[in-house]
Amino acid sequence: MDDYQDCGTRPIDVRAIGVDFYVTGTLKYLLGPPRLAFLYVRKELQDTLIPTMTGWFAQRQPFAFDVKHLDRAPTARKFEGGSPPIPNIYAAKRSLALIEDVGREAIAAHVASLTQYLLQGLASLGLSLKTPPTTVGPLVVIRCTAAAEMCELLAKQGIVVSSRHDGLRVSLHLYNTWKTSTLYYTKSAATAHFSMCGHELLNLTSTRQRR
C-alpha cells in the first residue's frame, strides 16, 4: 500500500488493515523534509523475501564494514539501504512531534470537514469533480481541461493548487481553515467560468462566514 498522499491526515494501523507492504515518507502530509521514507513488511513475509537492492545498513553487522560478504540482517532491517540523511531525520522528528501534538484523530476530523465543505461548495457551483463526493481524505480534484493555466490564474489570487493533467488538485491539511476552503471553491468557480471567455478573473471573497 502506497500511502504517501494520505499519511499524516488520519490514524492508520497496518496490522488491522492486513497489508503485506506499506510505504510512505515524510515529505508530504507528515510535514517533513524529503529523502526519508518508511517501509513496513508483514512479519510473516520477511523470511520469504530477498531484496534485489541492498546497502550496508541491511547487513547483519553493518559496522563490521565487510565489503566482501553479503550477510543480510535476519530482521526487517535487511530491506534498508545505505546511510540515511541524518540532518533530515532531526527535521522530521519535529514534524512528527507536531502531528502527535495536534492529534491524528483531530487532524482527520478537521480534514474531513474541510474536504466535504469544499466538495459540496464546488458541486453547488456546477463544477465537475474527479473526486468522489463521499471522500474524507485531503485531496480534491476539479475536472479542468486547462489545469496549468488555472493554476497560474489562481496563484495570482493567492490560491495555491496543482495541475494534474485534466484536473486541478486542492490539498488540505491541519493548517487550512473554513475560510480557505471557501476561497478555493469560489475562486476556482470564477476562474473556470470566466477566464476562458476573455473576462477578467473576479476577485471573489468569502461567501460564507468562517465556522
N, C-alpha and C. Protein backbone atom coordinates (compact mmCIF):
# COMPACT_ATOMS: atom_id res chain seq x y z
N MET A 1 0.85 -1.18 0.00
CA MET A 1 0.00 0.00 0.00
C MET A 1 0.89 1.24 0.00
N ASP A 2 0.68 2.11 -0.99
CA ASP A 2 1.40 3.38 -1.07
C ASP A 2 0.52 4.46 -0.44
N ASP A 3 0.93 4.95 0.72
CA ASP A 3 0.12 5.92 1.46
C ASP A 3 0.76 7.29 1.51
N TYR A 4 1.60 7.58 0.53
CA TYR A 4 2.32 8.86 0.52
C TYR A 4 1.37 10.05 0.47
N GLN A 5 0.23 9.89 -0.20
CA GLN A 5 -0.69 11.02 -0.40
C GLN A 5 -1.72 11.16 0.71
N ASP A 6 -1.54 10.43 1.81
CA ASP A 6 -2.55 10.50 2.88
C ASP A 6 -1.95 10.43 4.28
N CYS A 7 -0.84 9.73 4.43
CA CYS A 7 -0.26 9.52 5.75
C CYS A 7 0.05 10.85 6.43
N GLY A 8 -0.48 11.01 7.63
CA GLY A 8 -0.35 12.27 8.36
C GLY A 8 -1.68 12.98 8.51
N THR A 9 -2.70 12.51 7.79
CA THR A 9 -4.01 13.15 7.88
C THR A 9 -5.03 12.32 8.64
N ARG A 10 -4.66 11.11 9.05
CA ARG A 10 -5.57 10.26 9.83
C ARG A 10 -4.77 9.12 10.45
N PRO A 11 -5.30 8.49 11.50
CA PRO A 11 -4.61 7.33 12.08
C PRO A 11 -4.65 6.15 11.11
N ILE A 12 -3.65 5.30 11.20
CA ILE A 12 -3.64 4.08 10.40
C ILE A 12 -2.97 2.97 11.19
N ASP A 13 -3.52 1.77 11.10
CA ASP A 13 -2.98 0.60 11.78
C ASP A 13 -2.72 -0.45 10.69
N VAL A 14 -1.46 -0.63 10.33
CA VAL A 14 -1.13 -1.53 9.22
C VAL A 14 -1.49 -2.98 9.53
N ARG A 15 -1.42 -3.36 10.80
CA ARG A 15 -1.79 -4.73 11.16
C ARG A 15 -3.30 -4.93 11.07
N ALA A 16 -4.05 -3.93 11.45
CA ALA A 16 -5.51 -4.05 11.42
C ALA A 16 -6.04 -4.16 10.00
N ILE A 17 -5.42 -3.44 9.06
CA ILE A 17 -5.92 -3.50 7.69
C ILE A 17 -5.30 -4.66 6.90
N GLY A 18 -4.31 -5.32 7.48
CA GLY A 18 -3.80 -6.55 6.90
C GLY A 18 -2.97 -6.41 5.64
N VAL A 19 -2.26 -5.32 5.48
CA VAL A 19 -1.46 -5.14 4.27
C VAL A 19 -0.17 -5.95 4.37
N ASP A 20 0.32 -6.39 3.22
CA ASP A 20 1.62 -7.07 3.17
C ASP A 20 2.76 -6.07 3.22
N PHE A 21 2.58 -4.95 2.51
CA PHE A 21 3.60 -3.91 2.47
C PHE A 21 2.93 -2.55 2.65
N TYR A 22 3.63 -1.65 3.28
CA TYR A 22 3.13 -0.29 3.45
C TYR A 22 4.32 0.66 3.31
N VAL A 23 4.17 1.65 2.42
CA VAL A 23 5.24 2.62 2.22
C VAL A 23 4.69 4.04 2.34
N THR A 24 5.49 4.91 2.89
CA THR A 24 5.16 6.33 2.96
C THR A 24 6.45 7.09 3.23
N GLY A 25 6.35 8.41 3.35
CA GLY A 25 7.52 9.22 3.60
C GLY A 25 7.14 10.52 4.28
N THR A 26 8.14 11.28 4.68
CA THR A 26 7.89 12.47 5.47
C THR A 26 7.58 13.72 4.65
N LEU A 27 7.79 13.65 3.33
CA LEU A 27 7.76 14.87 2.52
C LEU A 27 6.40 15.55 2.47
N LYS A 28 5.31 14.80 2.38
CA LYS A 28 4.02 15.41 2.12
C LYS A 28 3.24 15.68 3.41
N TYR A 29 2.28 14.85 3.73
CA TYR A 29 1.37 15.16 4.84
C TYR A 29 1.96 14.90 6.22
N LEU A 30 3.16 14.36 6.28
CA LEU A 30 3.86 14.30 7.56
C LEU A 30 4.66 15.58 7.81
N LEU A 31 4.59 16.51 6.85
CA LEU A 31 5.11 17.87 7.01
C LEU A 31 6.62 17.93 7.21
N GLY A 32 7.32 16.91 6.70
CA GLY A 32 8.75 16.86 6.92
C GLY A 32 9.56 17.10 5.65
N PRO A 33 10.85 16.87 5.75
CA PRO A 33 11.76 17.09 4.62
C PRO A 33 11.72 15.90 3.65
N PRO A 34 12.35 16.04 2.48
CA PRO A 34 12.44 14.91 1.54
C PRO A 34 13.50 13.91 1.97
N ARG A 35 13.58 12.80 1.20
CA ARG A 35 14.62 11.79 1.33
C ARG A 35 14.50 10.91 2.56
N LEU A 36 13.31 10.90 3.19
CA LEU A 36 13.06 9.96 4.28
C LEU A 36 11.79 9.19 3.96
N ALA A 37 11.91 7.87 3.93
CA ALA A 37 10.76 7.03 3.61
C ALA A 37 10.71 5.85 4.58
N PHE A 38 9.53 5.25 4.68
CA PHE A 38 9.32 4.13 5.59
C PHE A 38 8.74 2.95 4.82
N LEU A 39 9.19 1.77 5.17
CA LEU A 39 8.66 0.54 4.59
C LEU A 39 8.27 -0.41 5.72
N TYR A 40 7.00 -0.88 5.68
CA TYR A 40 6.55 -1.94 6.58
C TYR A 40 6.36 -3.20 5.75
N VAL A 41 6.90 -4.31 6.25
CA VAL A 41 6.73 -5.61 5.61
C VAL A 41 6.11 -6.55 6.66
N ARG A 42 5.00 -7.15 6.30
CA ARG A 42 4.34 -8.06 7.25
C ARG A 42 5.32 -9.14 7.69
N LYS A 43 5.36 -9.37 9.00
CA LYS A 43 6.37 -10.24 9.60
C LYS A 43 6.41 -11.62 8.96
N GLU A 44 5.23 -12.15 8.63
CA GLU A 44 5.18 -13.50 8.05
C GLU A 44 5.85 -13.58 6.68
N LEU A 45 6.04 -12.44 6.03
CA LEU A 45 6.64 -12.43 4.69
C LEU A 45 8.14 -12.16 4.70
N GLN A 46 8.64 -11.64 5.79
CA GLN A 46 10.02 -11.16 5.80
C GLN A 46 11.02 -12.24 5.44
N ASP A 47 10.85 -13.45 5.95
CA ASP A 47 11.82 -14.51 5.69
C ASP A 47 11.72 -15.07 4.27
N THR A 48 10.60 -14.81 3.59
CA THR A 48 10.40 -15.37 2.25
C THR A 48 10.90 -14.45 1.15
N LEU A 49 11.31 -13.24 1.51
CA LEU A 49 11.67 -12.24 0.51
C LEU A 49 13.17 -11.95 0.53
N ILE A 50 13.73 -11.84 -0.67
CA ILE A 50 15.14 -11.49 -0.81
C ILE A 50 15.23 -10.18 -1.59
N PRO A 51 15.67 -9.11 -0.96
CA PRO A 51 15.77 -7.81 -1.66
C PRO A 51 16.72 -7.89 -2.86
N THR A 52 16.33 -7.29 -3.95
CA THR A 52 17.20 -7.25 -5.13
C THR A 52 18.12 -6.03 -5.09
N MET A 53 17.84 -5.10 -4.20
CA MET A 53 18.72 -3.96 -3.97
C MET A 53 19.03 -3.92 -2.48
N THR A 54 20.24 -3.55 -2.14
CA THR A 54 20.61 -3.57 -0.73
C THR A 54 21.66 -2.49 -0.46
N GLY A 55 21.99 -2.34 0.80
CA GLY A 55 23.00 -1.37 1.22
C GLY A 55 23.65 -1.87 2.49
N TRP A 56 24.62 -1.14 2.96
CA TRP A 56 25.39 -1.65 4.10
C TRP A 56 24.59 -1.66 5.40
N PHE A 57 23.54 -0.86 5.50
CA PHE A 57 22.70 -0.91 6.69
C PHE A 57 21.85 -2.18 6.74
N ALA A 58 21.76 -2.89 5.62
CA ALA A 58 21.00 -4.13 5.58
C ALA A 58 21.82 -5.33 6.04
N GLN A 59 23.10 -5.15 6.28
CA GLN A 59 23.96 -6.24 6.73
C GLN A 59 23.65 -6.61 8.19
N ARG A 60 23.92 -7.87 8.51
CA ARG A 60 23.74 -8.33 9.90
C ARG A 60 24.60 -7.50 10.86
N GLN A 61 25.84 -7.26 10.46
CA GLN A 61 26.75 -6.44 11.26
C GLN A 61 27.27 -5.29 10.39
N PRO A 62 26.49 -4.23 10.23
CA PRO A 62 26.89 -3.16 9.29
C PRO A 62 28.21 -2.50 9.64
N PHE A 63 28.52 -2.41 10.92
CA PHE A 63 29.74 -1.70 11.32
C PHE A 63 30.97 -2.61 11.34
N ALA A 64 30.79 -3.83 10.82
CA ALA A 64 31.95 -4.67 10.57
C ALA A 64 32.64 -4.23 9.28
N PHE A 65 31.91 -3.46 8.44
CA PHE A 65 32.46 -2.93 7.19
C PHE A 65 33.05 -4.03 6.30
N ASP A 66 32.32 -5.15 6.24
CA ASP A 66 32.76 -6.27 5.41
C ASP A 66 32.19 -6.10 4.01
N VAL A 67 33.04 -5.70 3.06
CA VAL A 67 32.57 -5.43 1.70
C VAL A 67 32.68 -6.67 0.81
N LYS A 68 33.15 -7.77 1.36
CA LYS A 68 33.35 -8.96 0.55
C LYS A 68 32.26 -10.01 0.75
N HIS A 69 31.47 -9.88 1.79
CA HIS A 69 30.45 -10.89 2.07
C HIS A 69 29.09 -10.22 2.28
N LEU A 70 28.08 -10.80 1.68
CA LEU A 70 26.71 -10.33 1.85
C LEU A 70 26.04 -11.19 2.91
N ASP A 71 25.82 -10.60 4.06
CA ASP A 71 25.20 -11.32 5.18
C ASP A 71 24.04 -10.47 5.68
N ARG A 72 22.87 -10.70 5.09
CA ARG A 72 21.71 -9.86 5.40
C ARG A 72 21.25 -10.03 6.85
N ALA A 73 20.72 -8.95 7.39
CA ALA A 73 20.14 -8.99 8.73
C ALA A 73 18.95 -9.95 8.74
N PRO A 74 18.73 -10.67 9.84
CA PRO A 74 17.62 -11.61 9.90
C PRO A 74 16.27 -10.95 10.18
N THR A 75 16.25 -9.65 10.31
CA THR A 75 15.02 -8.91 10.61
C THR A 75 14.64 -8.05 9.41
N ALA A 76 13.61 -7.20 9.60
CA ALA A 76 13.18 -6.31 8.52
C ALA A 76 14.26 -5.32 8.12
N ARG A 77 15.30 -5.23 8.92
CA ARG A 77 16.40 -4.33 8.59
C ARG A 77 17.09 -4.74 7.28
N LYS A 78 16.88 -5.96 6.83
CA LYS A 78 17.50 -6.40 5.58
C LYS A 78 16.96 -5.63 4.37
N PHE A 79 15.86 -4.90 4.56
CA PHE A 79 15.28 -4.11 3.47
C PHE A 79 15.84 -2.69 3.43
N GLU A 80 16.71 -2.35 4.36
CA GLU A 80 17.27 -1.00 4.39
C GLU A 80 18.31 -0.82 3.29
N GLY A 81 18.69 0.44 3.08
CA GLY A 81 19.68 0.76 2.06
C GLY A 81 20.96 1.24 2.69
N GLY A 82 21.43 2.39 2.20
CA GLY A 82 22.67 2.94 2.70
C GLY A 82 22.45 3.93 3.83
N SER A 83 23.38 4.84 3.97
CA SER A 83 23.31 5.81 5.07
C SER A 83 22.13 6.75 4.90
N PRO A 84 21.35 6.95 5.96
CA PRO A 84 20.22 7.89 5.88
C PRO A 84 20.72 9.33 5.98
N PRO A 85 19.94 10.29 5.49
CA PRO A 85 20.31 11.71 5.62
C PRO A 85 20.06 12.20 7.05
N ILE A 86 21.07 12.22 7.86
CA ILE A 86 20.92 12.49 9.29
C ILE A 86 20.27 13.86 9.58
N PRO A 87 20.69 14.96 8.92
CA PRO A 87 20.02 16.25 9.21
C PRO A 87 18.51 16.20 8.95
N ASN A 88 18.11 15.47 7.91
CA ASN A 88 16.69 15.35 7.60
C ASN A 88 15.93 14.64 8.71
N ILE A 89 16.59 13.70 9.36
CA ILE A 89 15.94 12.96 10.45
C ILE A 89 15.60 13.90 11.59
N TYR A 90 16.50 14.81 11.92
CA TYR A 90 16.23 15.75 13.01
C TYR A 90 15.05 16.66 12.67
N ALA A 91 14.98 17.10 11.41
CA ALA A 91 13.85 17.93 11.00
C ALA A 91 12.55 17.13 11.03
N ALA A 92 12.61 15.88 10.60
CA ALA A 92 11.42 15.03 10.58
C ALA A 92 10.89 14.75 11.98
N LYS A 93 11.78 14.63 12.94
CA LYS A 93 11.35 14.39 14.32
C LYS A 93 10.46 15.52 14.82
N ARG A 94 10.78 16.76 14.43
CA ARG A 94 9.96 17.90 14.85
C ARG A 94 8.61 17.88 14.16
N SER A 95 8.59 17.52 12.88
CA SER A 95 7.31 17.50 12.17
C SER A 95 6.41 16.38 12.69
N LEU A 96 6.99 15.23 13.00
CA LEU A 96 6.20 14.13 13.55
C LEU A 96 5.67 14.48 14.95
N ALA A 97 6.48 15.21 15.72
CA ALA A 97 6.03 15.65 17.04
C ALA A 97 4.85 16.61 16.92
N LEU A 98 4.87 17.46 15.89
CA LEU A 98 3.75 18.37 15.67
C LEU A 98 2.48 17.60 15.36
N ILE A 99 2.58 16.58 14.50
CA ILE A 99 1.41 15.75 14.17
C ILE A 99 0.85 15.11 15.44
N GLU A 100 1.72 14.59 16.27
CA GLU A 100 1.28 13.93 17.50
C GLU A 100 0.69 14.93 18.49
N ASP A 101 1.26 16.13 18.56
CA ASP A 101 0.75 17.15 19.48
C ASP A 101 -0.68 17.56 19.11
N VAL A 102 -0.92 17.75 17.83
CA VAL A 102 -2.27 18.12 17.38
C VAL A 102 -3.22 16.94 17.56
N GLY A 103 -2.74 15.73 17.26
CA GLY A 103 -3.55 14.53 17.40
C GLY A 103 -4.07 14.05 16.05
N ARG A 104 -3.79 12.80 15.73
CA ARG A 104 -4.19 12.28 14.42
C ARG A 104 -5.70 12.22 14.25
N GLU A 105 -6.41 11.90 15.33
CA GLU A 105 -7.87 11.88 15.23
C GLU A 105 -8.42 13.28 14.98
N ALA A 106 -7.85 14.28 15.65
CA ALA A 106 -8.29 15.66 15.46
C ALA A 106 -8.00 16.14 14.05
N ILE A 107 -6.83 15.77 13.53
CA ILE A 107 -6.48 16.15 12.16
C ILE A 107 -7.44 15.50 11.17
N ALA A 108 -7.75 14.22 11.38
CA ALA A 108 -8.65 13.50 10.47
C ALA A 108 -10.03 14.16 10.44
N ALA A 109 -10.55 14.54 11.59
CA ALA A 109 -11.87 15.17 11.65
C ALA A 109 -11.84 16.53 10.97
N HIS A 110 -10.77 17.28 11.17
CA HIS A 110 -10.65 18.61 10.57
C HIS A 110 -10.55 18.51 9.05
N VAL A 111 -9.70 17.62 8.55
CA VAL A 111 -9.54 17.45 7.11
C VAL A 111 -10.84 16.98 6.47
N ALA A 112 -11.52 16.02 7.11
CA ALA A 112 -12.78 15.51 6.56
C ALA A 112 -13.83 16.61 6.44
N SER A 113 -13.91 17.47 7.45
CA SER A 113 -14.91 18.55 7.41
C SER A 113 -14.59 19.55 6.31
N LEU A 114 -13.31 19.89 6.15
CA LEU A 114 -12.92 20.82 5.09
C LEU A 114 -13.16 20.23 3.71
N THR A 115 -12.81 18.96 3.55
CA THR A 115 -12.98 18.29 2.25
C THR A 115 -14.44 18.25 1.86
N GLN A 116 -15.30 17.86 2.78
CA GLN A 116 -16.73 17.79 2.48
C GLN A 116 -17.31 19.18 2.19
N TYR A 117 -16.86 20.16 2.93
CA TYR A 117 -17.31 21.53 2.71
C TYR A 117 -16.91 22.01 1.32
N LEU A 118 -15.67 21.71 0.93
CA LEU A 118 -15.17 22.11 -0.38
C LEU A 118 -15.90 21.37 -1.49
N LEU A 119 -16.07 20.06 -1.34
CA LEU A 119 -16.76 19.27 -2.37
C LEU A 119 -18.19 19.75 -2.58
N GLN A 120 -18.88 20.00 -1.49
CA GLN A 120 -20.27 20.45 -1.60
C GLN A 120 -20.36 21.84 -2.22
N GLY A 121 -19.41 22.70 -1.85
CA GLY A 121 -19.40 24.05 -2.42
C GLY A 121 -19.12 24.04 -3.91
N LEU A 122 -18.14 23.25 -4.33
CA LEU A 122 -17.82 23.16 -5.75
C LEU A 122 -18.98 22.56 -6.55
N ALA A 123 -19.60 21.51 -6.00
CA ALA A 123 -20.73 20.88 -6.68
C ALA A 123 -21.90 21.84 -6.81
N SER A 124 -22.12 22.64 -5.79
CA SER A 124 -23.23 23.59 -5.84
C SER A 124 -23.04 24.66 -6.89
N LEU A 125 -21.79 24.89 -7.30
CA LEU A 125 -21.48 25.87 -8.33
C LEU A 125 -21.41 25.24 -9.72
N GLY A 126 -21.73 23.95 -9.80
CA GLY A 126 -21.82 23.29 -11.09
C GLY A 126 -20.51 22.82 -11.67
N LEU A 127 -19.45 22.78 -10.86
CA LEU A 127 -18.16 22.31 -11.38
C LEU A 127 -18.10 20.78 -11.37
N SER A 128 -17.47 20.22 -12.38
CA SER A 128 -17.32 18.78 -12.49
C SER A 128 -16.14 18.33 -11.64
N LEU A 129 -16.35 17.31 -10.83
CA LEU A 129 -15.32 16.84 -9.90
C LEU A 129 -14.85 15.44 -10.27
N LYS A 130 -13.55 15.21 -10.13
CA LYS A 130 -13.00 13.87 -10.32
C LYS A 130 -12.98 13.10 -9.00
N THR A 131 -13.11 13.82 -7.90
CA THR A 131 -13.09 13.22 -6.57
C THR A 131 -14.49 12.73 -6.19
N PRO A 132 -14.64 11.50 -5.69
CA PRO A 132 -15.95 11.00 -5.26
C PRO A 132 -16.55 11.89 -4.18
N PRO A 133 -17.87 12.09 -4.19
CA PRO A 133 -18.50 13.02 -3.23
C PRO A 133 -18.41 12.60 -1.78
N THR A 134 -18.14 11.34 -1.51
CA THR A 134 -18.07 10.87 -0.12
C THR A 134 -16.65 10.90 0.45
N THR A 135 -15.72 11.40 -0.32
CA THR A 135 -14.32 11.42 0.12
C THR A 135 -14.13 12.25 1.39
N VAL A 136 -13.32 11.73 2.30
CA VAL A 136 -12.96 12.49 3.51
C VAL A 136 -11.45 12.69 3.60
N GLY A 137 -10.73 12.28 2.55
CA GLY A 137 -9.28 12.45 2.52
C GLY A 137 -8.88 13.86 2.15
N PRO A 138 -7.59 14.15 2.05
CA PRO A 138 -7.12 15.52 1.90
C PRO A 138 -7.08 16.06 0.48
N LEU A 139 -7.35 15.22 -0.53
CA LEU A 139 -7.22 15.67 -1.92
C LEU A 139 -8.58 15.85 -2.59
N VAL A 140 -8.76 16.99 -3.24
CA VAL A 140 -9.96 17.26 -4.03
C VAL A 140 -9.49 17.68 -5.42
N VAL A 141 -10.03 17.02 -6.45
CA VAL A 141 -9.61 17.31 -7.82
C VAL A 141 -10.81 17.78 -8.64
N ILE A 142 -10.68 18.98 -9.20
CA ILE A 142 -11.70 19.57 -10.05
C ILE A 142 -11.35 19.24 -11.50
N ARG A 143 -12.32 18.73 -12.27
CA ARG A 143 -12.06 18.43 -13.67
C ARG A 143 -11.83 19.74 -14.43
N CYS A 144 -10.72 19.79 -15.17
CA CYS A 144 -10.33 21.04 -15.82
C CYS A 144 -9.45 20.72 -17.03
N THR A 145 -9.82 21.22 -18.19
CA THR A 145 -9.07 20.94 -19.41
C THR A 145 -7.87 21.87 -19.59
N ALA A 146 -7.79 22.90 -18.78
CA ALA A 146 -6.66 23.84 -18.85
C ALA A 146 -6.10 24.05 -17.45
N ALA A 147 -5.73 22.94 -16.81
CA ALA A 147 -5.34 22.97 -15.41
C ALA A 147 -4.11 23.84 -15.16
N ALA A 148 -3.12 23.79 -16.05
CA ALA A 148 -1.91 24.58 -15.84
C ALA A 148 -2.22 26.07 -15.85
N GLU A 149 -3.07 26.49 -16.81
CA GLU A 149 -3.47 27.91 -16.88
C GLU A 149 -4.28 28.31 -15.65
N MET A 150 -5.12 27.39 -15.17
CA MET A 150 -5.92 27.68 -13.99
C MET A 150 -5.03 27.88 -12.76
N CYS A 151 -3.97 27.07 -12.67
CA CYS A 151 -3.05 27.21 -11.54
C CYS A 151 -2.43 28.60 -11.50
N GLU A 152 -2.04 29.08 -12.66
CA GLU A 152 -1.42 30.41 -12.74
C GLU A 152 -2.41 31.50 -12.35
N LEU A 153 -3.64 31.39 -12.85
CA LEU A 153 -4.65 32.40 -12.54
C LEU A 153 -5.02 32.40 -11.06
N LEU A 154 -5.16 31.22 -10.48
CA LEU A 154 -5.49 31.14 -9.06
C LEU A 154 -4.33 31.61 -8.19
N ALA A 155 -3.09 31.36 -8.64
CA ALA A 155 -1.93 31.81 -7.88
C ALA A 155 -1.92 33.33 -7.74
N LYS A 156 -2.38 34.03 -8.78
CA LYS A 156 -2.47 35.49 -8.71
C LYS A 156 -3.52 35.95 -7.70
N GLN A 157 -4.44 35.05 -7.37
CA GLN A 157 -5.46 35.36 -6.37
C GLN A 157 -5.08 34.84 -4.98
N GLY A 158 -3.84 34.34 -4.86
CA GLY A 158 -3.37 33.86 -3.56
C GLY A 158 -3.80 32.44 -3.23
N ILE A 159 -4.22 31.68 -4.25
CA ILE A 159 -4.66 30.31 -4.04
C ILE A 159 -3.65 29.37 -4.70
N VAL A 160 -3.05 28.49 -3.90
CA VAL A 160 -2.04 27.56 -4.41
C VAL A 160 -2.67 26.19 -4.62
N VAL A 161 -2.74 25.78 -5.88
CA VAL A 161 -3.23 24.45 -6.24
C VAL A 161 -2.22 23.84 -7.21
N SER A 162 -2.48 22.62 -7.67
CA SER A 162 -1.54 21.98 -8.59
C SER A 162 -2.27 21.42 -9.80
N SER A 163 -1.56 21.33 -10.89
CA SER A 163 -2.11 20.81 -12.13
C SER A 163 -1.81 19.33 -12.25
N ARG A 164 -2.85 18.54 -12.49
CA ARG A 164 -2.70 17.10 -12.67
C ARG A 164 -3.44 16.67 -13.94
N HIS A 165 -2.79 16.87 -15.09
CA HIS A 165 -3.35 16.51 -16.39
C HIS A 165 -4.67 17.25 -16.61
N ASP A 166 -5.79 16.55 -16.51
CA ASP A 166 -7.09 17.21 -16.72
C ASP A 166 -7.77 17.53 -15.40
N GLY A 167 -6.95 17.73 -14.37
CA GLY A 167 -7.51 18.03 -13.06
C GLY A 167 -6.77 19.14 -12.34
N LEU A 168 -7.51 19.89 -11.55
CA LEU A 168 -6.96 20.95 -10.70
C LEU A 168 -7.04 20.42 -9.27
N ARG A 169 -5.89 20.16 -8.66
CA ARG A 169 -5.87 19.47 -7.37
C ARG A 169 -5.69 20.44 -6.21
N VAL A 170 -6.58 20.30 -5.24
CA VAL A 170 -6.50 21.06 -3.99
C VAL A 170 -6.09 20.10 -2.88
N SER A 171 -5.11 20.49 -2.07
CA SER A 171 -4.63 19.65 -0.97
C SER A 171 -4.92 20.36 0.35
N LEU A 172 -5.54 19.64 1.26
CA LEU A 172 -5.94 20.22 2.55
C LEU A 172 -5.21 19.53 3.70
N HIS A 173 -4.95 20.32 4.75
CA HIS A 173 -4.30 19.72 5.92
C HIS A 173 -4.70 20.52 7.17
N LEU A 174 -3.99 20.25 8.26
CA LEU A 174 -4.37 20.84 9.55
C LEU A 174 -4.27 22.35 9.57
N TYR A 175 -3.44 22.93 8.71
CA TYR A 175 -3.24 24.38 8.71
C TYR A 175 -4.28 25.12 7.86
N ASN A 176 -5.13 24.42 7.14
CA ASN A 176 -6.19 25.08 6.37
C ASN A 176 -7.41 25.34 7.24
N THR A 177 -8.22 26.32 6.82
CA THR A 177 -9.39 26.72 7.60
C THR A 177 -10.63 26.72 6.73
N TRP A 178 -11.77 26.93 7.36
CA TRP A 178 -13.03 27.05 6.61
C TRP A 178 -12.93 28.20 5.60
N LYS A 179 -12.27 29.27 5.99
CA LYS A 179 -12.16 30.42 5.10
C LYS A 179 -11.38 30.07 3.84
N THR A 180 -10.28 29.33 3.99
CA THR A 180 -9.51 28.98 2.80
C THR A 180 -10.27 28.02 1.91
N SER A 181 -11.06 27.13 2.51
CA SER A 181 -11.87 26.22 1.69
C SER A 181 -12.90 26.99 0.88
N THR A 182 -13.51 28.01 1.49
CA THR A 182 -14.47 28.83 0.76
C THR A 182 -13.79 29.56 -0.39
N LEU A 183 -12.60 30.10 -0.14
CA LEU A 183 -11.87 30.80 -1.19
C LEU A 183 -11.50 29.85 -2.32
N TYR A 184 -11.13 28.64 -1.98
CA TYR A 184 -10.81 27.66 -3.02
C TYR A 184 -11.97 27.52 -3.99
N TYR A 185 -13.16 27.27 -3.44
CA TYR A 185 -14.24 26.94 -4.37
C TYR A 185 -14.83 28.16 -5.07
N THR A 186 -14.87 29.31 -4.41
CA THR A 186 -15.41 30.48 -5.10
C THR A 186 -14.47 30.97 -6.19
N LYS A 187 -13.17 31.00 -5.90
CA LYS A 187 -12.22 31.48 -6.90
C LYS A 187 -11.99 30.44 -8.00
N SER A 188 -12.07 29.16 -7.64
CA SER A 188 -11.99 28.12 -8.67
C SER A 188 -13.16 28.26 -9.64
N ALA A 189 -14.33 28.52 -9.10
CA ALA A 189 -15.51 28.68 -9.95
C ALA A 189 -15.36 29.90 -10.85
N ALA A 190 -14.89 31.00 -10.27
CA ALA A 190 -14.71 32.21 -11.06
C ALA A 190 -13.73 31.99 -12.20
N THR A 191 -12.63 31.30 -11.88
CA THR A 191 -11.63 31.02 -12.90
C THR A 191 -12.21 30.16 -14.01
N ALA A 192 -12.87 29.07 -13.62
CA ALA A 192 -13.40 28.13 -14.60
C ALA A 192 -14.46 28.77 -15.49
N HIS A 193 -15.30 29.63 -14.93
CA HIS A 193 -16.43 30.17 -15.67
C HIS A 193 -16.07 31.39 -16.52
N PHE A 194 -15.06 32.17 -16.10
CA PHE A 194 -14.83 33.45 -16.75
C PHE A 194 -13.51 33.57 -17.51
N SER A 195 -12.45 32.91 -17.05
CA SER A 195 -11.15 33.19 -17.64
C SER A 195 -11.05 32.74 -19.09
N MET A 196 -11.64 31.61 -19.42
CA MET A 196 -11.54 31.10 -20.78
C MET A 196 -12.42 31.87 -21.76
N CYS A 197 -13.28 32.73 -21.24
CA CYS A 197 -14.17 33.51 -22.10
C CYS A 197 -13.64 34.92 -22.33
N GLY A 198 -12.45 35.20 -21.83
CA GLY A 198 -11.86 36.50 -22.03
C GLY A 198 -12.23 37.52 -20.97
N HIS A 199 -13.00 37.11 -19.95
CA HIS A 199 -13.36 38.02 -18.87
C HIS A 199 -12.24 38.06 -17.84
N GLU A 200 -12.16 39.11 -17.10
CA GLU A 200 -11.18 39.19 -16.03
C GLU A 200 -11.62 38.28 -14.89
N LEU A 201 -10.66 37.71 -14.21
CA LEU A 201 -10.96 36.87 -13.06
C LEU A 201 -11.58 37.72 -11.96
N LEU A 202 -12.76 37.30 -11.52
CA LEU A 202 -13.43 38.04 -10.47
C LEU A 202 -12.69 37.91 -9.15
N ASN A 203 -12.60 38.99 -8.46
CA ASN A 203 -11.94 38.98 -7.16
C ASN A 203 -12.99 38.65 -6.09
N LEU A 204 -13.36 37.37 -6.07
CA LEU A 204 -14.39 36.95 -5.15
C LEU A 204 -13.82 36.80 -3.74
N THR A 205 -14.61 37.12 -2.79
CA THR A 205 -14.23 36.90 -1.40
C THR A 205 -15.14 35.86 -0.80
N SER A 206 -14.95 35.58 0.47
CA SER A 206 -15.71 34.52 1.11
C SER A 206 -17.21 34.80 1.04
N THR A 207 -17.97 33.80 0.59
CA THR A 207 -19.43 33.94 0.53
C THR A 207 -20.10 33.31 1.74
N ARG A 208 -19.31 32.65 2.53
CA ARG A 208 -19.85 32.08 3.76
C ARG A 208 -18.93 32.46 4.90
N GLN A 209 -19.48 32.66 6.05
CA GLN A 209 -18.66 33.04 7.19
C GLN A 209 -17.88 31.83 7.67
N ARG A 210 -16.70 32.10 8.17
CA ARG A 210 -15.88 31.03 8.73
C ARG A 210 -16.57 30.44 9.95
N ARG A 211 -16.64 29.13 9.98
CA ARG A 211 -17.29 28.49 11.11
C ARG A 211 -16.36 28.39 12.30
